[in-house]
PDB file of all heavy atoms in Angstrom:
ATOM      1  N   ALA A   1     181.251 -14.593  37.869  1.00  0.00           N
ATOM      2  CA  ALA A   1     179.812 -14.848  37.777  1.00  0.00           C
ATOM      3  C   ALA A   1     179.531 -16.286  38.204  1.00  0.00           C
ATOM      4  O   ALA A   1     180.019 -17.223  37.588  1.00  0.00           O
ATOM      5  CB  ALA A   1     179.340 -14.610  36.344  1.00  0.00           C
ATOM      6  N   VAL A   2     178.739 -16.450  39.257  1.00  0.00           N
ATOM      7  CA  VAL A   2     178.461 -17.782  39.805  1.00  0.00           C
ATOM      8  C   VAL A   2     176.948 -17.981  39.880  1.00  0.00           C
ATOM      9  O   VAL A   2     176.264 -17.298  40.641  1.00  0.00           O
ATOM     10  CB  VAL A   2     179.095 -17.960  41.197  1.00  0.00           C
ATOM     11  CG1 VAL A   2     178.855 -19.379  41.706  1.00  0.00           C
ATOM     12  CG2 VAL A   2     180.588 -17.658  41.161  1.00  0.00           C
ATOM     13  N   SER A   3     176.447 -18.914  39.099  1.00  0.00           N
ATOM     14  CA  SER A   3     175.002 -19.148  39.034  1.00  0.00           C
ATOM     15  C   SER A   3     174.519 -20.139  40.088  1.00  0.00           C
ATOM     16  O   SER A   3     173.346 -20.128  40.460  1.00  0.00           O
ATOM     17  CB  SER A   3     174.629 -19.681  37.650  1.00  0.00           C
ATOM     18  OG  SER A   3     175.175 -20.981  37.462  1.00  0.00           O
ATOM     19  N   GLY A   4     175.427 -21.035  40.514  1.00  0.00           N
ATOM     20  CA  GLY A   4     175.034 -22.132  41.395  1.00  0.00           C
ATOM     21  C   GLY A   4     175.043 -23.461  40.677  1.00  0.00           C
ATOM     22  O   GLY A   4     174.925 -24.513  41.303  1.00  0.00           O
ATOM     23  N   GLY A   5     175.174 -23.434  39.337  1.00  0.00           N
ATOM     24  CA  GLY A   5     175.290 -24.659  38.562  1.00  0.00           C
ATOM     25  C   GLY A   5     176.676 -25.258  38.677  1.00  0.00           C
ATOM     26  O   GLY A   5     177.602 -24.632  39.195  1.00  0.00           O
ATOM     27  N   VAL A   6     176.842 -26.458  38.150  1.00  0.00           N
ATOM     28  CA  VAL A   6     178.099 -27.174  38.342  1.00  0.00           C
ATOM     29  C   VAL A   6     179.280 -26.438  37.710  1.00  0.00           C
ATOM     30  O   VAL A   6     180.383 -26.413  38.270  1.00  0.00           O
ATOM     31  CB  VAL A   6     177.989 -28.622  37.793  1.00  0.00           C
ATOM     32  CG1 VAL A   6     177.741 -28.640  36.291  1.00  0.00           C
ATOM     33  CG2 VAL A   6     179.228 -29.424  38.151  1.00  0.00           C
ATOM     34  N   ASP A   7     179.092 -25.810  36.556  1.00  0.00           N
ATOM     35  CA  ASP A   7     180.202 -25.154  35.858  1.00  0.00           C
ATOM     36  C   ASP A   7     180.794 -24.029  36.699  1.00  0.00           C
ATOM     37  O   ASP A   7     182.009 -23.963  36.935  1.00  0.00           O
ATOM     38  CB  ASP A   7     179.739 -24.588  34.510  1.00  0.00           C
ATOM     39  CG  ASP A   7     179.036 -25.619  33.648  1.00  0.00           C
ATOM     40  OD1 ASP A   7     179.379 -26.809  33.769  1.00  0.00           O
ATOM     41  OD2 ASP A   7     178.158 -25.239  32.861  1.00  0.00           O
ATOM     42  N   SER A   8     179.931 -23.137  37.152  1.00  0.00           N
ATOM     43  CA  SER A   8     180.439 -21.978  37.886  1.00  0.00           C
ATOM     44  C   SER A   8     180.874 -22.334  39.302  1.00  0.00           C
ATOM     45  O   SER A   8     181.771 -21.691  39.860  1.00  0.00           O
ATOM     46  CB  SER A   8     179.389 -20.855  37.917  1.00  0.00           C
ATOM     47  OG  SER A   8     178.204 -21.274  38.541  1.00  0.00           O
ATOM     48  N   MET A   9     180.281 -23.373  39.897  1.00  0.00           N
ATOM     49  CA  MET A   9     180.717 -23.780  41.229  1.00  0.00           C
ATOM     50  C   MET A   9     182.100 -24.421  41.175  1.00  0.00           C
ATOM     51  O   MET A   9     182.915 -24.242  42.090  1.00  0.00           O
ATOM     52  CB  MET A   9     179.698 -24.745  41.844  1.00  0.00           C
ATOM     53  CG  MET A   9     178.334 -24.112  42.119  1.00  0.00           C
ATOM     54  SD  MET A   9     178.378 -22.687  43.247  1.00  0.00           S
ATOM     55  CE  MET A   9     178.614 -23.533  44.810  1.00  0.00           C
ATOM     56  N   VAL A  10     182.388 -25.148  40.116  1.00  0.00           N
ATOM     57  CA  VAL A  10     183.735 -25.698  39.926  1.00  0.00           C
ATOM     58  C   VAL A  10     184.726 -24.566  39.681  1.00  0.00           C
ATOM     59  O   VAL A  10     185.828 -24.544  40.257  1.00  0.00           O
ATOM     60  CB  VAL A  10     183.753 -26.712  38.757  1.00  0.00           C
ATOM     61  CG1 VAL A  10     185.181 -26.993  38.294  1.00  0.00           C
ATOM     62  CG2 VAL A  10     183.073 -28.005  39.177  1.00  0.00           C
ATOM     63  N   LEU A  11     184.360 -23.633  38.830  1.00  0.00           N
ATOM     64  CA  LEU A  11     185.240 -22.497  38.556  1.00  0.00           C
ATOM     65  C   LEU A  11     185.544 -21.729  39.842  1.00  0.00           C
ATOM     66  O   LEU A  11     186.702 -21.371  40.104  1.00  0.00           O
ATOM     67  CB  LEU A  11     184.584 -21.560  37.542  1.00  0.00           C
ATOM     68  CG  LEU A  11     185.368 -20.296  37.193  1.00  0.00           C
ATOM     69  CD1 LEU A  11     186.690 -20.633  36.522  1.00  0.00           C
ATOM     70  CD2 LEU A  11     184.532 -19.380  36.295  1.00  0.00           C
ATOM     71  N   LEU A  12     184.530 -21.499  40.657  1.00  0.00           N
ATOM     72  CA  LEU A  12     184.731 -20.779  41.914  1.00  0.00           C
ATOM     73  C   LEU A  12     185.689 -21.538  42.825  1.00  0.00           C
ATOM     74  O   LEU A  12     186.574 -20.938  43.447  1.00  0.00           O
ATOM     75  CB  LEU A  12     183.385 -20.585  42.615  1.00  0.00           C
ATOM     76  CG  LEU A  12     183.424 -19.910  43.988  1.00  0.00           C
ATOM     77  CD1 LEU A  12     184.052 -18.526  43.904  1.00  0.00           C
ATOM     78  CD2 LEU A  12     182.019 -19.828  44.582  1.00  0.00           C
ATOM     79  N   ASP A  13     185.527 -22.841  42.908  1.00  0.00           N
ATOM     80  CA  ASP A  13     186.398 -23.657  43.760  1.00  0.00           C
ATOM     81  C   ASP A  13     187.856 -23.540  43.319  1.00  0.00           C
ATOM     82  O   ASP A  13     188.755 -23.418  44.159  1.00  0.00           O
ATOM     83  CB  ASP A  13     185.956 -25.115  43.704  1.00  0.00           C
ATOM     84  CG  ASP A  13     186.738 -26.000  44.658  1.00  0.00           C
ATOM     85  OD1 ASP A  13     186.441 -25.980  45.871  1.00  0.00           O
ATOM     86  OD2 ASP A  13     187.664 -26.700  44.188  1.00  0.00           O
ATOM     87  N   ILE A  14     188.091 -23.561  42.022  1.00  0.00           N
ATOM     88  CA  ILE A  14     189.456 -23.463  41.498  1.00  0.00           C
ATOM     89  C   ILE A  14     190.039 -22.080  41.739  1.00  0.00           C
ATOM     90  O   ILE A  14     191.174 -21.936  42.220  1.00  0.00           O
ATOM     91  CB  ILE A  14     189.477 -23.798  39.993  1.00  0.00           C
ATOM     92  CG1 ILE A  14     189.081 -25.261  39.765  1.00  0.00           C
ATOM     93  CG2 ILE A  14     190.862 -23.534  39.399  1.00  0.00           C
ATOM     94  CD1 ILE A  14     188.845 -25.610  38.312  1.00  0.00           C
ATOM     95  N   LEU A  15     189.266 -21.050  41.438  1.00  0.00           N
ATOM     96  CA  LEU A  15     189.775 -19.686  41.551  1.00  0.00           C
ATOM     97  C   LEU A  15     189.981 -19.258  43.003  1.00  0.00           C
ATOM     98  O   LEU A  15     190.861 -18.451  43.302  1.00  0.00           O
ATOM     99  CB  LEU A  15     188.824 -18.712  40.856  1.00  0.00           C
ATOM    100  CG  LEU A  15     188.720 -18.837  39.337  1.00  0.00           C
ATOM    101  CD1 LEU A  15     187.700 -17.837  38.803  1.00  0.00           C
ATOM    102  CD2 LEU A  15     190.069 -18.619  38.679  1.00  0.00           C
ATOM    103  N   ALA A  16     189.161 -19.810  43.903  1.00  0.00           N
ATOM    104  CA  ALA A  16     189.259 -19.421  45.314  1.00  0.00           C
ATOM    105  C   ALA A  16     190.606 -19.807  45.911  1.00  0.00           C
ATOM    106  O   ALA A  16     191.063 -19.190  46.885  1.00  0.00           O
ATOM    107  CB  ALA A  16     188.136 -20.069  46.117  1.00  0.00           C
ATOM    108  N   SER A  17     191.253 -20.806  45.329  1.00  0.00           N
ATOM    109  CA  SER A  17     192.543 -21.257  45.855  1.00  0.00           C
ATOM    110  C   SER A  17     193.722 -20.777  45.010  1.00  0.00           C
ATOM    111  O   SER A  17     194.861 -21.153  45.273  1.00  0.00           O
ATOM    112  CB  SER A  17     192.570 -22.795  45.922  1.00  0.00           C
ATOM    113  OG  SER A  17     192.384 -23.345  44.631  1.00  0.00           O
ATOM    114  N   GLN A  18     193.445 -19.958  44.015  1.00  0.00           N
ATOM    115  CA  GLN A  18     194.509 -19.503  43.122  1.00  0.00           C
ATOM    116  C   GLN A  18     195.241 -18.308  43.723  1.00  0.00           C
ATOM    117  O   GLN A  18     194.630 -17.292  44.048  1.00  0.00           O
ATOM    118  CB  GLN A  18     193.947 -19.120  41.755  1.00  0.00           C
ATOM    119  CG  GLN A  18     195.032 -18.728  40.755  1.00  0.00           C
ATOM    120  CD  GLN A  18     194.543 -18.864  39.325  1.00  0.00           C
ATOM    121  OE1 GLN A  18     193.675 -19.663  39.032  1.00  0.00           O
ATOM    122  NE2 GLN A  18     195.112 -18.076  38.435  1.00  0.00           N
ATOM    123  N   LEU A  19     196.539 -18.442  43.873  1.00  0.00           N
ATOM    124  CA  LEU A  19     197.343 -17.377  44.458  1.00  0.00           C
ATOM    125  C   LEU A  19     197.347 -16.156  43.545  1.00  0.00           C
ATOM    126  O   LEU A  19     197.441 -16.270  42.331  1.00  0.00           O
ATOM    127  CB  LEU A  19     198.775 -17.861  44.678  1.00  0.00           C
ATOM    128  CG  LEU A  19     198.956 -18.994  45.693  1.00  0.00           C
ATOM    129  CD1 LEU A  19     200.419 -19.433  45.726  1.00  0.00           C
ATOM    130  CD2 LEU A  19     198.499 -18.553  47.076  1.00  0.00           C
ATOM    131  N   GLY A  20     197.241 -14.996  44.159  1.00  0.00           N
ATOM    132  CA  GLY A  20     197.337 -13.755  43.399  1.00  0.00           C
ATOM    133  C   GLY A  20     196.034 -13.278  42.796  1.00  0.00           C
ATOM    134  O   GLY A  20     195.972 -12.193  42.222  1.00  0.00           O
ATOM    135  N   ALA A  21     194.960 -14.076  42.909  1.00  0.00           N
ATOM    136  CA  ALA A  21     193.664 -13.683  42.368  1.00  0.00           C
ATOM    137  C   ALA A  21     192.738 -13.248  43.501  1.00  0.00           C
ATOM    138  O   ALA A  21     192.478 -14.007  44.426  1.00  0.00           O
ATOM    139  CB  ALA A  21     193.041 -14.833  41.597  1.00  0.00           C
ATOM    140  N   LYS A  22     192.280 -12.005  43.437  1.00  0.00           N
ATOM    141  CA  LYS A  22     191.302 -11.501  44.395  1.00  0.00           C
ATOM    142  C   LYS A  22     189.926 -11.613  43.755  1.00  0.00           C
ATOM    143  O   LYS A  22     189.673 -11.024  42.702  1.00  0.00           O
ATOM    144  CB  LYS A  22     191.628 -10.057  44.756  1.00  0.00           C
ATOM    145  CG  LYS A  22     192.971  -9.894  45.462  1.00  0.00           C
ATOM    146  CD  LYS A  22     193.229  -8.442  45.803  1.00  0.00           C
ATOM    147  CE  LYS A  22     194.567  -8.279  46.519  1.00  0.00           C
ATOM    148  NZ  LYS A  22     194.868  -6.859  46.855  1.00  0.00           N
ATOM    149  N   ILE A  23     189.045 -12.366  44.396  1.00  0.00           N
ATOM    150  CA  ILE A  23     187.778 -12.750  43.783  1.00  0.00           C
ATOM    151  C   ILE A  23     186.598 -12.061  44.475  1.00  0.00           C
ATOM    152  O   ILE A  23     186.493 -12.067  45.696  1.00  0.00           O
ATOM    153  CB  ILE A  23     187.584 -14.273  43.865  1.00  0.00           C
ATOM    154  CG1 ILE A  23     188.740 -15.008  43.180  1.00  0.00           C
ATOM    155  CG2 ILE A  23     186.254 -14.676  43.249  1.00  0.00           C
ATOM    156  CD1 ILE A  23     188.942 -14.651  41.738  1.00  0.00           C
ATOM    157  N   ILE A  24     185.722 -11.485  43.657  1.00  0.00           N
ATOM    158  CA  ILE A  24     184.415 -11.016  44.124  1.00  0.00           C
ATOM    159  C   ILE A  24     183.373 -11.887  43.451  1.00  0.00           C
ATOM    160  O   ILE A  24     183.296 -11.952  42.217  1.00  0.00           O
ATOM    161  CB  ILE A  24     184.158  -9.534  43.772  1.00  0.00           C
ATOM    162  CG1 ILE A  24     185.204  -8.638  44.406  1.00  0.00           C
ATOM    163  CG2 ILE A  24     182.755  -9.127  44.222  1.00  0.00           C
ATOM    164  CD1 ILE A  24     186.336  -8.258  43.488  1.00  0.00           C
ATOM    165  N   VAL A  25     182.586 -12.595  44.219  1.00  0.00           N
ATOM    166  CA  VAL A  25     181.544 -13.458  43.669  1.00  0.00           C
ATOM    167  C   VAL A  25     180.324 -12.613  43.326  1.00  0.00           C
ATOM    168  O   VAL A  25     179.902 -11.761  44.116  1.00  0.00           O
ATOM    169  CB  VAL A  25     181.161 -14.553  44.679  1.00  0.00           C
ATOM    170  CG1 VAL A  25     180.019 -15.415  44.124  1.00  0.00           C
ATOM    171  CG2 VAL A  25     182.373 -15.415  45.020  1.00  0.00           C
ATOM    172  N   ALA A  26     179.762 -12.833  42.153  1.00  0.00           N
ATOM    173  CA  ALA A  26     178.569 -12.103  41.723  1.00  0.00           C
ATOM    174  C   ALA A  26     177.502 -13.102  41.287  1.00  0.00           C
ATOM    175  O   ALA A  26     177.737 -13.923  40.397  1.00  0.00           O
ATOM    176  CB  ALA A  26     178.905 -11.153  40.579  1.00  0.00           C
ATOM    177  N   HIS A  27     176.347 -13.046  41.929  1.00  0.00           N
ATOM    178  CA  HIS A  27     175.244 -13.948  41.597  1.00  0.00           C
ATOM    179  C   HIS A  27     174.027 -13.126  41.222  1.00  0.00           C
ATOM    180  O   HIS A  27     173.665 -12.174  41.932  1.00  0.00           O
ATOM    181  CB  HIS A  27     174.902 -14.848  42.784  1.00  0.00           C
ATOM    182  CG  HIS A  27     173.689 -15.703  42.548  1.00  0.00           C
ATOM    183  ND1 HIS A  27     173.725 -16.867  41.804  1.00  0.00           N
ATOM    184  CD2 HIS A  27     172.390 -15.535  42.933  1.00  0.00           C
ATOM    185  CE1 HIS A  27     172.511 -17.393  41.762  1.00  0.00           C
ATOM    186  NE2 HIS A  27     171.685 -16.597  42.433  1.00  0.00           N
ATOM    187  N   PHE A  28     173.377 -13.500  40.108  1.00  0.00           N
ATOM    188  CA  PHE A  28     172.185 -12.759  39.671  1.00  0.00           C
ATOM    189  C   PHE A  28     170.981 -13.687  39.636  1.00  0.00           C
ATOM    190  O   PHE A  28     170.994 -14.726  38.971  1.00  0.00           O
ATOM    191  CB  PHE A  28     172.412 -12.161  38.286  1.00  0.00           C
ATOM    192  CG  PHE A  28     171.366 -11.135  37.918  1.00  0.00           C
ATOM    193  CD1 PHE A  28     171.426  -9.856  38.446  1.00  0.00           C
ATOM    194  CD2 PHE A  28     170.328 -11.466  37.064  1.00  0.00           C
ATOM    195  CE1 PHE A  28     170.456  -8.917  38.131  1.00  0.00           C
ATOM    196  CE2 PHE A  28     169.356 -10.532  36.748  1.00  0.00           C
ATOM    197  CZ  PHE A  28     169.418  -9.248  37.280  1.00  0.00           C
ATOM    198  N   ASN A  29     169.939 -13.303  40.366  1.00  0.00           N
ATOM    199  CA  ASN A  29     168.678 -14.027  40.381  1.00  0.00           C
ATOM    200  C   ASN A  29     167.733 -13.332  39.392  1.00  0.00           C
ATOM    201  O   ASN A  29     167.270 -12.226  39.652  1.00  0.00           O
ATOM    202  CB  ASN A  29     168.091 -14.015  41.800  1.00  0.00           C
ATOM    203  CG  ASN A  29     166.828 -14.843  41.909  1.00  0.00           C
ATOM    204  OD1 ASN A  29     166.124 -15.065  40.933  1.00  0.00           O
ATOM    205  ND2 ASN A  29     166.516 -15.276  43.128  1.00  0.00           N
ATOM    206  N   HIS A  30     167.460 -13.982  38.264  1.00  0.00           N
ATOM    207  CA  HIS A  30     166.674 -13.357  37.200  1.00  0.00           C
ATOM    208  C   HIS A  30     165.183 -13.274  37.514  1.00  0.00           C
ATOM    209  O   HIS A  30     164.450 -12.547  36.828  1.00  0.00           O
ATOM    210  CB  HIS A  30     166.846 -14.136  35.891  1.00  0.00           C
ATOM    211  CG  HIS A  30     168.255 -14.218  35.408  1.00  0.00           C
ATOM    212  ND1 HIS A  30     169.127 -15.200  35.825  1.00  0.00           N
ATOM    213  CD2 HIS A  30     168.951 -13.434  34.539  1.00  0.00           C
ATOM    214  CE1 HIS A  30     170.291 -15.025  35.234  1.00  0.00           C
ATOM    215  NE2 HIS A  30     170.218 -13.972  34.454  1.00  0.00           N
ATOM    216  N   GLY A  31     164.730 -14.029  38.503  1.00  0.00           N
ATOM    217  CA  GLY A  31     163.297 -14.052  38.778  1.00  0.00           C
ATOM    218  C   GLY A  31     162.526 -14.788  37.695  1.00  0.00           C
ATOM    219  O   GLY A  31     161.392 -14.445  37.381  1.00  0.00           O
TER     220      GLY A  31
END
């Protein structure tokens, strides 16, 4: 789950380079 805030953007950066982890990014716009 990636909102665009600093927490989830950092998490995405770390996980994107992690070996063995296949990542699907999911973003929800609540309106």
